Protein backbone atom coordinates (compact mmCIF):
# COMPACT_ATOMS: atom_id res chain seq x y z
CA MET A 1 28.11 5.27 -70.50
CA LYS A 2 24.55 4.23 -69.77
CA LYS A 3 25.75 1.31 -67.69
CA TYR A 4 27.95 3.67 -65.66
CA ASP A 5 25.02 6.07 -65.05
CA LYS A 6 22.85 3.19 -63.81
CA TYR A 7 25.44 2.05 -61.24
CA GLU A 8 26.10 5.64 -60.16
CA LYS A 9 22.38 6.17 -59.48
CA ILE A 10 22.22 2.93 -57.47
CA ARG A 11 25.32 3.95 -55.49
CA ARG A 12 23.83 7.39 -54.70
CA LEU A 13 20.54 5.82 -53.69
CA CYS A 14 22.35 3.41 -51.35
CA ILE A 15 24.30 6.30 -49.80
CA ILE A 16 21.08 8.27 -49.23
CA ILE A 17 19.28 5.28 -47.69
CA GLY A 18 22.28 4.49 -45.48
CA SER A 19 22.54 8.12 -44.34
CA VAL A 20 18.83 8.22 -43.45
CA MET A 21 19.16 4.96 -41.49
CA LEU A 22 22.21 6.30 -39.63
CA VAL A 23 20.45 9.56 -38.68
CA CYS A 24 17.30 7.68 -37.56
CA GLY A 25 19.37 5.22 -35.53
CA CYS A 26 21.30 8.01 -33.78
CA PHE A 27 18.05 9.85 -33.01
CA MET A 28 16.46 6.71 -31.55
CA MET A 29 19.53 6.01 -29.38
CA LEU A 30 19.56 9.56 -28.03
CA THR A 31 15.83 9.68 -27.24
CA ARG A 32 15.26 6.19 -25.88
CA GLY A 33 14.30 5.93 -22.25
CA ASN A 34 15.77 3.81 -19.55
CA PRO A 35 14.64 0.16 -19.91
CA LEU A 36 13.67 0.18 -16.22
CA ASP A 37 10.88 2.64 -17.06
CA GLU A 38 8.88 -0.28 -18.49
CA ALA A 39 8.59 -1.75 -14.97
CA ILE A 40 6.87 1.36 -13.57
CA GLY A 41 3.29 0.70 -12.56
CA TYR A 42 0.35 2.91 -11.72
CA VAL A 43 -0.87 3.91 -8.29
CA GLY A 44 -4.49 4.47 -7.40
CA VAL A 45 -6.10 5.79 -4.22
CA THR A 46 -9.66 5.14 -3.08
CA ASN A 47 -11.81 6.25 -0.18
CA GLY A 48 -14.41 3.54 -0.73
CA SER A 49 -16.62 5.52 -3.10
CA GLN A 50 -14.15 7.48 -5.22
CA ILE A 51 -10.92 6.35 -6.89
CA ILE A 52 -8.16 8.54 -8.33
CA GLU A 53 -5.06 7.74 -10.35
CA VAL A 54 -1.95 9.34 -8.93
CA PRO A 55 0.78 10.56 -11.31
CA GLY A 56 4.34 9.54 -10.55
CA HIS A 57 7.59 11.49 -10.47
CA LYS A 58 10.79 9.51 -11.15
CA TYR A 59 13.19 10.10 -8.30
CA SER A 60 16.16 7.78 -8.92
CA TYR A 61 17.54 4.79 -10.78
CA ASN A 62 19.06 2.22 -8.44
CA SER A 63 21.49 -0.59 -9.12
CA ASP A 64 22.90 -2.70 -6.30
CA ASP A 65 24.23 -0.10 -3.82
CA GLU A 66 24.25 2.89 -6.17
CA GLN A 67 21.52 5.48 -6.56
CA SER A 68 21.44 7.92 -9.46
CA LEU A 69 19.01 10.81 -8.93
CA THR A 70 17.04 11.98 -11.96
CA GLU A 71 17.60 15.50 -13.24
CA ASN A 72 13.97 16.50 -13.64
CA PHE A 73 12.52 15.23 -10.34
CA THR A 74 9.64 17.32 -8.98
CA ALA A 75 9.46 17.53 -5.18
CA ILE A 76 6.04 17.55 -3.52
CA GLU A 77 6.16 21.26 -2.73
CA ASN A 78 6.78 22.07 -6.42
CA ALA A 79 4.25 19.65 -7.91
CA VAL A 80 1.19 21.06 -9.66
CA ASN A 81 -2.28 19.58 -10.06
CA ILE A 82 -1.94 17.10 -7.21
CA PRO A 83 -5.10 14.95 -7.18
CA GLU A 84 -7.31 15.23 -4.10
CA ILE A 85 -9.51 12.72 -2.30
CA ASP A 86 -11.92 13.26 0.59
CA TYR A 87 -11.73 11.34 3.85
CA PHE A 88 -14.64 11.20 6.29
CA PRO A 89 -13.27 9.75 9.56
CA ASP A 90 -16.78 9.42 11.05
CA ASP A 91 -17.98 7.24 8.13
CA GLU A 92 -17.02 3.60 8.76
CA ASN A 93 -17.29 2.90 5.00
CA CYS A 94 -14.69 5.55 4.19
CA ASN A 95 -11.20 4.11 4.29
CA ILE A 96 -8.23 5.39 2.33
CA ALA A 97 -6.52 2.56 0.43
CA VAL A 98 -3.62 2.69 -2.01
CA SER A 99 -3.39 0.10 -4.81
CA TYR A 100 -0.66 -0.77 -7.30
CA THR A 101 -0.99 -2.19 -10.83
CA GLU A 102 2.38 -3.92 -10.89
CA GLU A 103 4.55 -5.79 -8.42
CA TYR A 104 6.93 -3.48 -6.61
CA ILE A 105 10.22 -4.11 -4.78
CA GLY A 106 10.36 -3.97 -0.99
CA LYS A 107 7.67 -1.94 0.75
CA PRO A 108 6.27 1.44 -0.27
CA LEU A 109 7.11 4.28 2.10
CA TYR A 110 4.49 6.85 3.09
CA SER A 111 5.21 10.39 4.24
CA VAL A 112 2.56 12.94 5.21
CA TYR A 113 2.96 16.73 5.03
CA ASN A 114 0.77 19.53 6.32
CA ASP A 115 -0.43 22.38 4.08
CA SER A 116 2.89 24.20 4.66
CA PHE A 117 4.77 21.12 3.38
CA GLU A 118 6.28 20.37 6.78
CA CYS A 119 6.73 16.63 7.22
CA ILE A 120 4.54 15.36 10.07
CA ILE A 121 4.84 11.61 9.38
CA ASP A 122 8.09 10.45 7.72
CA SER A 123 8.74 7.26 5.72
CA LYS A 124 6.37 4.75 7.33
CA ASN A 125 5.61 1.31 5.89
CA SER A 126 1.87 1.96 6.15
CA LEU A 127 -0.26 5.04 5.61
CA GLU A 128 -1.03 6.70 8.92
CA MET A 129 -3.87 9.17 8.78
CA PRO A 130 -3.59 12.48 10.62
CA GLY A 131 -6.93 13.35 12.12
CA GLU A 132 -7.67 17.07 12.25
CA SER A 133 -10.98 17.80 10.51
CA GLY A 134 -11.07 20.58 7.94
CA LYS A 135 -7.38 20.19 7.08
CA LYS A 136 -5.57 19.15 3.93
CA TYR A 137 -2.67 16.74 4.11
CA TYR A 138 -0.22 15.98 1.31
CA VAL A 139 0.83 12.35 1.02
CA GLU A 140 4.01 11.12 -0.69
CA VAL A 141 4.24 7.44 -1.59
CA SER A 142 7.72 6.23 -2.55
CA VAL A 143 7.71 2.99 -4.58
CA ASP A 144 10.58 0.96 -6.07
CA TRP A 145 9.71 -0.74 -9.37
CA GLY A 146 11.84 -3.27 -11.23
CA GLU A 147 14.08 -6.01 -9.90
CA LYS A 148 15.96 -6.47 -6.64
CA ASP A 149 19.35 -5.46 -8.09
CA ARG A 150 18.03 -2.86 -10.59
CA SER A 151 15.08 -0.61 -9.89
CA VAL A 152 13.61 2.85 -10.31
CA THR A 153 12.18 4.83 -7.39
CA VAL A 154 9.04 6.79 -8.20
CA LYS A 155 7.28 9.20 -5.84
CA TYR A 156 3.52 9.67 -6.05
CA TYR A 157 1.66 12.59 -4.49
CA PHE A 158 -1.96 13.04 -3.51
CA VAL A 159 -3.97 15.23 -1.13
CA ILE A 160 -6.33 14.00 1.58
CA ASN A 161 -9.09 16.41 2.58
CA ILE A 162 -10.25 15.49 6.09
CA LYS A 163 -13.96 16.32 6.31
């Protein structure tokens, strides 16, 4: 009987270990992110004396000719805590520049909105600065990260305060 008890304990232990591994594996499969997320880089904005990191909002996953919009995308008018940077048009040393930590696909697209979130400059290949002093402008930068046939589109928002 002792030999039977020993094998029964080993069998129960194996069942418990296997069950724990199965539950952990299922949990990891359900909570893993899209592998394309690893290609997402960071975006920074500088005015020559100050630099800010701009948080991204995943917009879509793209493969060949298909685009799958993300469920939890935050549009610019609903975003909170958008970082701000000052721009002094009369200072020749003050130039707004956007930098990227990783290689992106295609060209970034820049859109500019007024303080009522009305689009005044739409999807340009370069950042065009509106020029009315004392105004705030919201900038949306749309960047594709990944590979040519598989990518993720991320939108980055920041505010330019024209001084």
